[in-house]
Amino acid sequence: MTIENNRFLVMGLSGLVQCDLIGAINERFPGFASITVDTEGEAIEATRQGKGWEFAFLNLGPDAFATSDLAKALAELKTKVILMGSAAEDAAADSPFPVLVRPFTGADILRLLGYKG
């Protein structure tokens, strides 16, 4: 799998975690397209702009995400969701969604993206 032309949605992250996440992806795949948003509402609006998202990194726990309007919008786009943050990490063992657990490395991110090689 290659991800050079894929698009990434990042929601609810800021500061060092957001920089580390985007930096790790950009280091391996320069020029990827991404958008960062703060809220679920902004993320839903981004899904309505006619652009698909191959991957979404969301600062949400699995229970909150599973029942959200954002989950429905991303499912319609067939977006692969990766959850992050304390709520996601606390429920990682039972989560039906992949969870990126801190501290993470570039290799951890690539593994969750399905990249091999």
N, C-alpha and C. Protein backbone atom coordinates (compact mmCIF):
# COMPACT_ATOMS: atom_id res chain seq x y z
N MET A 1 0.83 -1.18 0.00
CA MET A 1 0.00 0.00 0.00
C MET A 1 0.87 1.24 0.00
N THR A 2 0.50 2.22 -0.76
CA THR A 2 1.16 3.51 -0.69
C THR A 2 0.14 4.55 -0.27
N ILE A 3 0.59 5.60 0.40
CA ILE A 3 -0.36 6.60 0.85
C ILE A 3 0.02 8.00 0.38
N GLU A 4 0.84 8.10 -0.64
CA GLU A 4 1.31 9.40 -1.09
C GLU A 4 0.18 10.36 -1.44
N ASN A 5 -0.92 9.88 -2.00
CA ASN A 5 -2.00 10.75 -2.43
C ASN A 5 -3.21 10.72 -1.51
N ASN A 6 -3.09 10.09 -0.37
CA ASN A 6 -4.21 10.00 0.55
C ASN A 6 -4.42 11.29 1.33
N ARG A 7 -5.63 11.42 1.82
CA ARG A 7 -6.01 12.61 2.59
C ARG A 7 -6.29 12.20 4.02
N PHE A 8 -5.88 13.05 4.95
CA PHE A 8 -6.00 12.78 6.36
C PHE A 8 -6.80 13.87 7.05
N LEU A 9 -7.71 13.46 7.91
CA LEU A 9 -8.47 14.37 8.77
C LEU A 9 -7.97 14.15 10.19
N VAL A 10 -7.63 15.22 10.87
CA VAL A 10 -7.14 15.14 12.25
C VAL A 10 -8.06 16.01 13.10
N MET A 11 -8.70 15.41 14.12
CA MET A 11 -9.65 16.16 14.93
C MET A 11 -9.30 16.10 16.41
N GLY A 12 -9.34 17.28 17.04
CA GLY A 12 -9.24 17.36 18.49
C GLY A 12 -7.86 17.25 19.06
N LEU A 13 -6.86 17.33 18.22
CA LEU A 13 -5.48 17.27 18.70
C LEU A 13 -4.85 18.65 18.56
N SER A 14 -3.90 18.93 19.41
CA SER A 14 -3.19 20.20 19.30
C SER A 14 -1.78 20.03 19.84
N GLY A 15 -1.01 21.06 19.68
CA GLY A 15 0.32 21.08 20.26
C GLY A 15 1.22 19.98 19.76
N LEU A 16 1.99 19.45 20.68
CA LEU A 16 3.04 18.50 20.36
C LEU A 16 2.50 17.20 19.77
N VAL A 17 1.38 16.70 20.27
CA VAL A 17 0.83 15.43 19.75
C VAL A 17 0.44 15.60 18.28
N GLN A 18 -0.24 16.70 17.97
CA GLN A 18 -0.63 16.96 16.58
C GLN A 18 0.61 17.10 15.70
N CYS A 19 1.59 17.85 16.17
CA CYS A 19 2.82 18.03 15.38
C CYS A 19 3.55 16.71 15.17
N ASP A 20 3.62 15.90 16.22
CA ASP A 20 4.29 14.60 16.09
C ASP A 20 3.57 13.70 15.10
N LEU A 21 2.26 13.67 15.18
CA LEU A 21 1.47 12.82 14.29
C LEU A 21 1.66 13.24 12.83
N ILE A 22 1.42 14.50 12.56
CA ILE A 22 1.53 14.99 11.18
C ILE A 22 2.97 14.92 10.70
N GLY A 23 3.90 15.25 11.57
CA GLY A 23 5.32 15.19 11.21
C GLY A 23 5.77 13.79 10.84
N ALA A 24 5.32 12.79 11.60
CA ALA A 24 5.71 11.41 11.33
C ALA A 24 5.17 10.94 9.98
N ILE A 25 3.94 11.32 9.66
CA ILE A 25 3.37 10.93 8.38
C ILE A 25 4.07 11.68 7.25
N ASN A 26 4.27 12.97 7.43
CA ASN A 26 4.90 13.80 6.39
C ASN A 26 6.35 13.39 6.14
N GLU A 27 7.02 12.91 7.17
CA GLU A 27 8.41 12.46 7.01
C GLU A 27 8.49 11.30 6.04
N ARG A 28 7.56 10.37 6.15
CA ARG A 28 7.57 9.20 5.28
C ARG A 28 6.88 9.46 3.94
N PHE A 29 5.87 10.33 3.94
CA PHE A 29 5.07 10.61 2.75
C PHE A 29 4.93 12.12 2.56
N PRO A 30 5.98 12.78 2.07
CA PRO A 30 5.93 14.23 1.89
C PRO A 30 4.77 14.64 0.99
N GLY A 31 4.15 15.74 1.35
CA GLY A 31 3.11 16.31 0.50
C GLY A 31 1.72 15.73 0.67
N PHE A 32 1.50 14.88 1.66
CA PHE A 32 0.16 14.35 1.85
C PHE A 32 -0.79 15.50 2.21
N ALA A 33 -2.04 15.33 1.90
CA ALA A 33 -3.03 16.37 2.18
C ALA A 33 -3.68 16.09 3.53
N SER A 34 -3.78 17.11 4.36
CA SER A 34 -4.44 16.94 5.65
C SER A 34 -5.20 18.19 6.03
N ILE A 35 -6.14 18.00 6.92
CA ILE A 35 -6.85 19.12 7.52
C ILE A 35 -6.95 18.83 9.00
N THR A 36 -6.80 19.86 9.81
CA THR A 36 -6.97 19.72 11.24
C THR A 36 -8.18 20.54 11.67
N VAL A 37 -8.99 19.95 12.51
CA VAL A 37 -10.18 20.62 13.04
C VAL A 37 -10.22 20.38 14.54
N ASP A 38 -10.97 21.24 15.22
CA ASP A 38 -11.03 21.14 16.68
C ASP A 38 -12.21 20.33 17.18
N THR A 39 -13.33 20.38 16.46
CA THR A 39 -14.56 19.79 16.99
C THR A 39 -15.18 18.79 16.02
N GLU A 40 -16.12 18.02 16.55
CA GLU A 40 -16.86 17.08 15.71
C GLU A 40 -17.66 17.82 14.63
N GLY A 41 -18.24 18.95 15.00
CA GLY A 41 -19.00 19.73 14.03
C GLY A 41 -18.14 20.18 12.86
N GLU A 42 -16.92 20.64 13.16
CA GLU A 42 -16.00 21.04 12.10
C GLU A 42 -15.60 19.84 11.25
N ALA A 43 -15.43 18.69 11.88
CA ALA A 43 -15.07 17.48 11.14
C ALA A 43 -16.21 17.06 10.21
N ILE A 44 -17.44 17.13 10.70
CA ILE A 44 -18.58 16.79 9.86
C ILE A 44 -18.66 17.75 8.68
N GLU A 45 -18.45 19.03 8.94
CA GLU A 45 -18.46 20.01 7.85
C GLU A 45 -17.38 19.69 6.82
N ALA A 46 -16.22 19.25 7.27
CA ALA A 46 -15.14 18.88 6.34
C ALA A 46 -15.55 17.70 5.46
N THR A 47 -16.38 16.79 5.99
CA THR A 47 -16.82 15.65 5.18
C THR A 47 -17.82 16.08 4.13
N ARG A 48 -18.45 17.21 4.32
CA ARG A 48 -19.47 17.70 3.38
C ARG A 48 -18.88 18.55 2.26
N GLN A 49 -17.60 18.76 2.27
CA GLN A 49 -16.98 19.63 1.28
C GLN A 49 -16.62 18.88 0.00
N GLY A 50 -17.15 17.68 -0.16
CA GLY A 50 -16.94 16.94 -1.39
C GLY A 50 -15.58 16.29 -1.52
N LYS A 51 -14.85 16.23 -0.42
CA LYS A 51 -13.53 15.62 -0.45
C LYS A 51 -13.55 14.41 0.47
N GLY A 52 -13.07 13.30 -0.04
CA GLY A 52 -13.00 12.10 0.77
C GLY A 52 -11.79 12.13 1.69
N TRP A 53 -11.89 11.39 2.74
CA TRP A 53 -10.78 11.27 3.69
C TRP A 53 -10.43 9.80 3.80
N GLU A 54 -9.23 9.46 3.45
CA GLU A 54 -8.81 8.07 3.54
C GLU A 54 -8.66 7.64 5.00
N PHE A 55 -8.12 8.54 5.83
CA PHE A 55 -7.87 8.24 7.24
C PHE A 55 -8.32 9.41 8.09
N ALA A 56 -8.81 9.10 9.30
CA ALA A 56 -9.17 10.14 10.27
C ALA A 56 -8.57 9.76 11.62
N PHE A 57 -7.79 10.66 12.17
CA PHE A 57 -7.25 10.51 13.52
C PHE A 57 -8.10 11.40 14.42
N LEU A 58 -8.80 10.78 15.37
CA LEU A 58 -9.79 11.49 16.17
C LEU A 58 -9.50 11.37 17.65
N ASN A 59 -9.56 12.49 18.35
CA ASN A 59 -9.39 12.50 19.79
C ASN A 59 -10.75 12.22 20.43
N LEU A 60 -11.14 10.95 20.39
CA LEU A 60 -12.42 10.50 20.94
C LEU A 60 -12.27 9.08 21.46
N GLY A 61 -13.06 8.76 22.45
CA GLY A 61 -13.14 7.38 22.91
C GLY A 61 -14.05 6.58 22.00
N PRO A 62 -13.94 5.26 22.02
CA PRO A 62 -14.74 4.44 21.11
C PRO A 62 -16.24 4.55 21.34
N ASP A 63 -16.70 4.66 22.58
CA ASP A 63 -18.13 4.76 22.84
C ASP A 63 -18.69 6.07 22.29
N ALA A 64 -18.01 7.16 22.54
CA ALA A 64 -18.45 8.47 22.06
C ALA A 64 -18.45 8.51 20.53
N PHE A 65 -17.43 7.92 19.93
CA PHE A 65 -17.35 7.94 18.47
C PHE A 65 -18.42 7.06 17.83
N ALA A 66 -18.60 5.87 18.35
CA ALA A 66 -19.50 4.89 17.72
C ALA A 66 -20.92 5.40 17.56
N THR A 67 -21.38 6.24 18.47
CA THR A 67 -22.75 6.73 18.43
C THR A 67 -22.87 8.14 17.87
N SER A 68 -21.80 8.66 17.30
CA SER A 68 -21.80 10.06 16.85
C SER A 68 -22.23 10.21 15.39
N ASP A 69 -22.66 11.42 15.06
CA ASP A 69 -22.95 11.75 13.67
C ASP A 69 -21.68 11.69 12.83
N LEU A 70 -20.55 11.98 13.44
CA LEU A 70 -19.27 11.91 12.73
C LEU A 70 -19.00 10.47 12.28
N ALA A 71 -19.30 9.50 13.12
CA ALA A 71 -19.09 8.09 12.74
C ALA A 71 -19.89 7.76 11.49
N LYS A 72 -21.12 8.24 11.43
CA LYS A 72 -21.96 7.97 10.26
C LYS A 72 -21.38 8.64 9.02
N ALA A 73 -20.96 9.89 9.16
CA ALA A 73 -20.41 10.62 8.01
C ALA A 73 -19.14 9.96 7.49
N LEU A 74 -18.26 9.53 8.38
CA LEU A 74 -17.01 8.90 7.95
C LEU A 74 -17.25 7.50 7.39
N ALA A 75 -18.24 6.80 7.91
CA ALA A 75 -18.57 5.47 7.38
C ALA A 75 -19.06 5.59 5.94
N GLU A 76 -19.85 6.61 5.66
CA GLU A 76 -20.33 6.82 4.29
C GLU A 76 -19.18 7.06 3.32
N LEU A 77 -18.11 7.69 3.81
CA LEU A 77 -16.94 7.97 2.98
C LEU A 77 -15.94 6.81 2.98
N LYS A 78 -16.25 5.77 3.76
CA LYS A 78 -15.34 4.62 3.91
C LYS A 78 -13.97 5.04 4.44
N THR A 79 -13.98 5.98 5.37
CA THR A 79 -12.77 6.49 5.99
C THR A 79 -12.31 5.53 7.08
N LYS A 80 -11.02 5.22 7.10
CA LYS A 80 -10.47 4.39 8.17
C LYS A 80 -10.22 5.31 9.37
N VAL A 81 -10.82 4.98 10.50
CA VAL A 81 -10.75 5.80 11.70
C VAL A 81 -9.72 5.22 12.67
N ILE A 82 -8.90 6.10 13.21
CA ILE A 82 -7.93 5.74 14.24
C ILE A 82 -8.18 6.69 15.41
N LEU A 83 -8.49 6.13 16.56
CA LEU A 83 -8.79 6.94 17.73
C LEU A 83 -7.53 7.21 18.54
N MET A 84 -7.55 8.34 19.23
CA MET A 84 -6.41 8.76 20.04
C MET A 84 -6.94 9.43 21.31
N GLY A 85 -6.04 9.70 22.23
CA GLY A 85 -6.39 10.44 23.44
C GLY A 85 -6.67 9.52 24.61
N SER A 86 -6.85 10.14 25.77
CA SER A 86 -7.01 9.39 27.01
C SER A 86 -8.20 8.44 27.00
N ALA A 87 -9.35 8.92 26.54
CA ALA A 87 -10.54 8.06 26.54
C ALA A 87 -10.34 6.85 25.63
N ALA A 88 -9.72 7.06 24.48
CA ALA A 88 -9.45 5.96 23.56
C ALA A 88 -8.44 4.98 24.16
N GLU A 89 -7.40 5.53 24.76
CA GLU A 89 -6.37 4.67 25.36
C GLU A 89 -6.94 3.85 26.52
N ASP A 90 -7.80 4.46 27.33
CA ASP A 90 -8.40 3.74 28.46
C ASP A 90 -9.26 2.56 28.00
N ALA A 91 -9.84 2.67 26.81
CA ALA A 91 -10.71 1.61 26.29
C ALA A 91 -10.06 0.81 25.16
N ALA A 92 -8.77 0.98 24.96
CA ALA A 92 -8.09 0.38 23.81
C ALA A 92 -8.25 -1.14 23.74
N ALA A 93 -8.22 -1.82 24.87
CA ALA A 93 -8.28 -3.28 24.86
C ALA A 93 -9.60 -3.79 24.30
N ASP A 94 -10.68 -3.04 24.49
CA ASP A 94 -12.00 -3.48 24.04
C ASP A 94 -12.53 -2.67 22.86
N SER A 95 -11.73 -1.78 22.32
CA SER A 95 -12.19 -0.88 21.27
C SER A 95 -12.37 -1.62 19.94
N PRO A 96 -13.51 -1.38 19.28
CA PRO A 96 -13.69 -1.95 17.94
C PRO A 96 -12.93 -1.16 16.87
N PHE A 97 -12.32 -0.05 17.28
CA PHE A 97 -11.56 0.81 16.38
C PHE A 97 -10.09 0.77 16.77
N PRO A 98 -9.20 0.93 15.79
CA PRO A 98 -7.77 1.01 16.13
C PRO A 98 -7.51 2.23 17.02
N VAL A 99 -6.59 2.08 17.95
CA VAL A 99 -6.22 3.16 18.86
C VAL A 99 -4.71 3.38 18.79
N LEU A 100 -4.32 4.62 18.60
CA LEU A 100 -2.91 5.00 18.63
C LEU A 100 -2.58 5.41 20.05
N VAL A 101 -1.76 4.59 20.72
CA VAL A 101 -1.46 4.77 22.14
C VAL A 101 -0.14 5.53 22.29
N ARG A 102 -0.16 6.51 23.19
CA ARG A 102 1.06 7.27 23.50
C ARG A 102 1.94 6.47 24.45
N PRO A 103 3.23 6.61 24.40
CA PRO A 103 3.97 7.33 23.36
C PRO A 103 3.98 6.51 22.09
N PHE A 104 3.83 7.17 20.96
CA PHE A 104 3.82 6.46 19.69
C PHE A 104 5.03 6.85 18.85
N THR A 105 5.33 5.98 17.91
CA THR A 105 6.43 6.23 16.98
C THR A 105 5.86 6.32 15.58
N GLY A 106 6.69 6.75 14.65
CA GLY A 106 6.29 6.76 13.26
C GLY A 106 5.89 5.38 12.78
N ALA A 107 6.60 4.36 13.24
CA ALA A 107 6.28 2.98 12.86
C ALA A 107 4.89 2.57 13.37
N ASP A 108 4.52 3.03 14.56
CA ASP A 108 3.18 2.72 15.09
C ASP A 108 2.10 3.32 14.19
N ILE A 109 2.31 4.56 13.75
CA ILE A 109 1.35 5.23 12.89
C ILE A 109 1.23 4.49 11.56
N LEU A 110 2.37 4.17 10.97
CA LEU A 110 2.36 3.48 9.68
C LEU A 110 1.67 2.12 9.77
N ARG A 111 1.88 1.42 10.87
CA ARG A 111 1.23 0.12 11.08
C ARG A 111 -0.29 0.29 11.08
N LEU A 112 -0.78 1.31 11.79
CA LEU A 112 -2.23 1.54 11.84
C LEU A 112 -2.79 2.00 10.50
N LEU A 113 -1.96 2.62 9.69
CA LEU A 113 -2.39 3.02 8.35
C LEU A 113 -2.41 1.84 7.39
N GLY A 114 -1.82 0.73 7.81
CA GLY A 114 -1.80 -0.45 6.96
C GLY A 114 -0.61 -0.49 6.04
N TYR A 115 0.37 0.37 6.30
CA TYR A 115 1.55 0.41 5.44
C TYR A 115 2.50 -0.70 5.83
N LYS A 116 2.96 -1.42 4.85
CA LYS A 116 3.95 -2.48 5.06
C LYS A 116 5.12 -2.23 4.16
N GLY A 117 6.27 -2.02 4.78
CA GLY A 117 7.47 -1.83 3.98
C GLY A 117 8.05 -0.53 4.05
